[in-house]
Protein backbone atom coordinates (compact mmCIF):
# COMPACT_ATOMS: atom_id res chain seq x y z
CA MET A 1 0.00 0.00 0.00
CA VAL A 2 2.82 2.43 0.90
CA ARG A 3 4.49 1.76 -2.46
CA ARG A 4 1.25 2.51 -4.29
CA LEU A 5 0.64 5.72 -2.33
CA LEU A 6 4.14 7.15 -2.84
CA PRO A 7 3.77 7.91 -6.59
CA VAL A 8 0.39 9.51 -5.85
CA ALA A 9 1.95 11.72 -3.16
CA VAL A 10 4.74 12.76 -5.53
CA ALA A 11 2.19 13.58 -8.24
CA LEU A 12 0.18 15.74 -5.82
CA LEU A 13 3.36 17.55 -4.79
CA LEU A 14 4.20 18.32 -8.41
CA VAL A 15 0.69 19.55 -9.15
CA THR A 16 0.68 21.92 -6.17
CA SER A 17 4.15 23.23 -7.08
CA GLY A 18 3.13 24.03 -10.65
CA CYS A 19 5.09 21.15 -12.21
CA VAL A 20 2.18 19.41 -13.93
CA GLY A 21 4.29 19.04 -17.06
CA LEU A 22 6.50 16.54 -15.27
CA ILE A 23 3.47 14.27 -15.00
CA THR A 24 2.21 14.78 -18.55
CA GLY A 25 5.68 14.44 -20.09
CA GLU A 26 6.08 18.07 -21.16
CA THR A 27 9.28 20.01 -20.55
CA VAL A 28 8.91 22.18 -17.43
CA THR A 29 10.64 25.56 -17.37
CA PHE A 30 11.93 27.38 -14.30
CA GLU A 31 12.74 31.02 -15.08
CA ALA A 32 14.84 33.30 -12.91
CA SER A 33 13.79 36.91 -12.36
CA PRO A 34 16.43 39.35 -13.65
CA ALA A 35 18.64 40.95 -11.02
CA THR A 36 19.50 44.49 -12.09
CA VAL A 37 21.12 47.64 -10.71
CA SER A 38 18.86 50.65 -10.20
CA ASP A 39 19.22 53.59 -12.57
CA SER A 40 20.02 55.98 -9.71
CA THR A 41 22.89 53.74 -8.59
CA LEU A 42 24.27 53.57 -12.12
CA ASP A 43 24.16 57.36 -12.34
CA SER A 44 26.03 57.80 -9.05
CA THR A 45 28.72 55.16 -9.74
CA GLY A 46 29.36 55.87 -13.41
CA TYR A 47 28.57 52.31 -14.48
CA GLU A 48 26.31 51.52 -17.42
CA LEU A 49 24.54 48.43 -18.69
CA ASN A 50 26.80 46.76 -21.24
CA ASN A 51 25.06 43.46 -21.92
CA ALA A 52 21.86 41.61 -21.01
CA THR A 53 21.44 37.94 -21.88
CA GLN A 54 19.53 34.78 -21.07
CA ALA A 55 20.98 31.27 -20.92
CA ASN A 56 19.07 28.00 -21.06
CA VAL A 57 20.19 24.81 -19.37
CA THR A 58 18.29 21.53 -19.57
CA ARG A 59 18.42 18.85 -16.91
CA ASP A 60 17.01 15.33 -17.02
CA VAL A 61 15.26 14.15 -13.85
CA THR A 62 13.47 11.00 -12.80
CA VAL A 63 10.08 11.59 -11.18
CA ALA A 64 7.83 8.75 -10.04
CA GLY A 65 9.88 6.37 -12.17
CA GLN A 66 9.57 8.48 -15.33
CA ASP A 67 12.35 10.40 -17.10
CA ARG A 68 11.49 14.05 -17.62
CA THR A 69 13.26 17.18 -18.91
CA VAL A 70 13.51 20.43 -16.97
CA ARG A 71 14.71 23.72 -18.47
CA LEU A 72 16.40 26.37 -16.31
CA VAL A 73 16.46 29.94 -17.62
CA THR A 74 19.25 32.09 -16.19
CA GLU A 75 19.39 35.90 -16.42
CA ARG A 76 22.70 37.78 -16.74
CA ARG A 77 23.42 41.52 -16.65
CA GLN A 78 26.85 43.07 -17.17
CA TYR A 79 27.73 46.62 -16.15
CA THR A 80 31.00 48.39 -16.94
CA ARG A 81 32.82 51.63 -16.21
CA SER A 82 35.46 53.11 -18.49
CA GLY A 83 38.71 54.67 -17.35
CA SER A 84 42.43 54.99 -17.99
CA LEU A 85 44.85 52.08 -17.54
CA LEU A 86 48.53 52.03 -18.48
CA GLY A 87 47.98 55.38 -20.17
CA VAL A 88 45.27 53.99 -22.41
CA GLU A 89 41.52 54.66 -22.22
CA VAL A 90 39.85 51.33 -21.45
CA VAL A 91 36.14 50.87 -22.20
CA GLU A 92 35.72 48.13 -19.58
CA LEU A 93 38.11 49.22 -16.86
CA SER A 94 35.82 47.88 -14.14
CA ARG A 95 33.16 45.23 -14.61
CA PHE A 96 30.21 44.11 -12.51
CA VAL A 97 28.23 41.01 -13.51
CA VAL A 98 25.06 39.87 -11.76
CA VAL A 99 23.50 36.50 -12.56
CA SER A 100 20.21 35.11 -11.28
CA VAL A 101 19.60 31.37 -11.51
CA PRO A 102 16.35 29.60 -10.56
CA SER A 103 16.79 27.62 -7.36
CA ALA A 104 14.61 24.79 -8.66
CA THR A 105 13.75 21.71 -6.61
CA VAL A 106 11.53 18.91 -7.92
CA ALA A 107 10.45 15.99 -5.73
CA GLY A 108 13.38 16.61 -3.41
CA GLN A 109 15.95 16.90 -6.21
CA THR A 110 17.93 20.14 -6.36
CA LEU A 111 18.33 20.93 -10.05
CA ASN A 112 20.75 23.81 -9.61
CA PRO A 113 24.09 22.65 -8.15
CA ALA A 114 25.09 26.28 -7.47
CA ALA A 115 22.70 26.23 -4.49
CA ASP A 116 25.31 24.32 -2.49
CA TRP A 117 28.51 25.75 -3.94
CA ALA A 118 31.06 27.52 -1.77
CA ASN A 119 32.18 30.95 -2.98
CA ARG A 120 35.42 29.57 -4.42
CA ARG A 121 33.47 27.12 -6.59
CA VAL A 122 31.13 29.91 -7.71
CA LEU A 123 34.16 32.01 -8.65
CA GLU A 124 35.51 29.20 -10.81
CA ALA A 125 32.14 28.81 -12.53
CA VAL A 126 31.83 32.51 -13.42
CA GLN A 127 35.39 32.97 -14.69
CA GLY A 128 33.94 33.12 -18.19
CA GLN A 129 31.87 36.14 -17.13
CA THR A 130 34.85 38.18 -15.93
CA GLY A 131 37.64 37.08 -18.26
CA SER A 132 40.60 34.81 -17.60
CA ILE A 133 42.10 35.48 -14.17
CA ASP A 134 45.13 33.63 -12.78
CA ASP A 135 46.79 33.27 -9.37
CA VAL A 136 43.53 33.83 -7.50
CA GLU A 137 43.98 34.18 -3.74
CA SER A 138 41.58 35.05 -0.93
CA ALA A 139 41.81 38.62 0.40
CA GLY A 140 39.18 38.65 3.16
CA ASN A 141 35.47 39.27 3.58
CA ARG A 142 33.15 42.16 4.36
CA THR A 143 29.41 42.64 4.84
CA VAL A 144 27.18 44.64 2.51
CA ARG A 145 23.44 45.29 2.73
CA ALA A 146 21.74 44.00 -0.43
CA LEU A 147 18.13 43.11 -1.18
CA GLY A 148 16.97 43.56 2.38
CA ALA A 149 19.66 41.59 4.23
CA ASP A 150 23.34 41.65 5.17
CA ARG A 151 25.38 39.68 2.62
CA GLN A 152 28.94 38.41 2.93
CA VAL A 153 31.16 39.66 0.13
CA SER A 154 34.38 37.71 -0.45
CA GLU A 155 37.40 39.47 -1.93
CA TYR A 156 40.12 37.89 -4.04
CA THR A 157 43.25 39.08 -5.79
CA GLY A 158 44.60 37.74 -9.06
CA THR A 159 46.28 38.64 -12.32
CA THR A 160 45.02 39.07 -15.86
CA GLU A 161 46.44 40.25 -19.17
CA VAL A 162 45.54 43.60 -20.71
CA ALA A 163 47.13 44.86 -23.93
CA GLY A 164 49.80 42.20 -23.62
CA GLN A 165 50.74 43.18 -20.06
CA SER A 166 50.01 41.35 -16.82
CA ILE A 167 48.15 43.46 -14.26
CA ASP A 168 46.97 42.80 -10.72
CA VAL A 169 43.20 42.74 -10.23
CA ARG A 170 40.78 42.53 -7.34
CA LEU A 171 37.53 40.54 -7.39
CA HIS A 172 34.44 40.86 -5.22
CA LEU A 173 32.00 37.95 -5.01
CA VAL A 174 28.60 37.52 -3.37
CA SER A 175 26.14 34.65 -3.71
CA PHE A 176 22.81 34.24 -1.91
CA GLN A 177 19.24 33.04 -2.34
CA HIS A 178 16.45 35.56 -2.84
CA GLU A 179 12.81 34.99 -3.77
CA GLY A 180 13.34 31.56 -5.31
CA ASP A 181 16.52 32.41 -7.22
CA ILE A 182 20.23 32.28 -6.53
CA VAL A 183 21.72 35.74 -7.09
CA ILE A 184 25.44 35.89 -7.87
CA GLY A 185 27.33 39.16 -8.14
CA VAL A 186 30.94 39.42 -9.32
CA ALA A 187 33.00 42.60 -9.73
CA VAL A 188 36.54 42.82 -11.10
CA HIS A 189 38.81 45.84 -11.48
CA PRO A 190 42.54 46.72 -11.46
CA GLU A 191 44.09 46.46 -8.01
CA ASN A 192 45.36 50.04 -8.21
CA VAL A 193 41.84 51.36 -8.83
CA ASP A 194 39.85 51.52 -5.59
CA GLU A 195 36.33 50.43 -6.54
CA THR A 196 35.23 48.98 -3.20
CA ASP A 197 32.77 51.77 -2.40
CA ALA A 198 31.35 51.65 -5.93
CA VAL A 199 30.95 47.86 -5.75
CA ASP A 200 29.18 48.18 -2.40
CA ASP A 201 26.84 50.76 -3.93
CA LEU A 202 26.12 48.46 -6.89
CA LEU A 203 25.25 45.62 -4.53
CA SER A 204 23.09 47.88 -2.38
CA GLY A 205 21.35 49.09 -5.52
CA LEU A 206 20.37 45.62 -6.71
CA GLN A 207 16.74 45.00 -7.69
CA HIS A 208 15.25 41.53 -8.01
CA GLY A 209 11.81 40.00 -8.00
CA GLY A 210 9.37 42.23 -6.16
CA ASP A 211 12.00 44.75 -5.10
């Protein structure tokens, strides 16, 4: 009797969570809400929206003994600030990338592995968003108020290549759950350019979901 009731219970759970497609065989989509920086914050920090994209990832799951496909839609926004580096005007002197990923769970299965990643693992995953950075080392933590709560921001130092020359850079990373999504923010800038206050303002100026 218990074995017969279990698939029924799983089916009811999926229906109440809006995942009816997993029962009927259709692909179910979980979409993240875009995380963006407010216009007033962009005006005060000198950053501007450089790129806005969506990414789709499909995952295969087994529900009540049936194989089903789930699609995760991730939102990405990139903001940049221009400035002078090595005597040359650089369009993307400082970069801030914010990604929101749906924190989807179906029948007890977490479909987004980033939900359990440590900051170092998140940093490795988003290297493609910030460019190739080598010799990454931890440089401490600080707390910033973002989206209604105190968030831990981890700092790292590293090196990257610009115009054929190696330069030292500083990275700022934050990752947290908010309104059903995982929000990841990454900032990178030259070490000799103090952007900490600007990065804190960008994080404080984040908007997501109902905010």
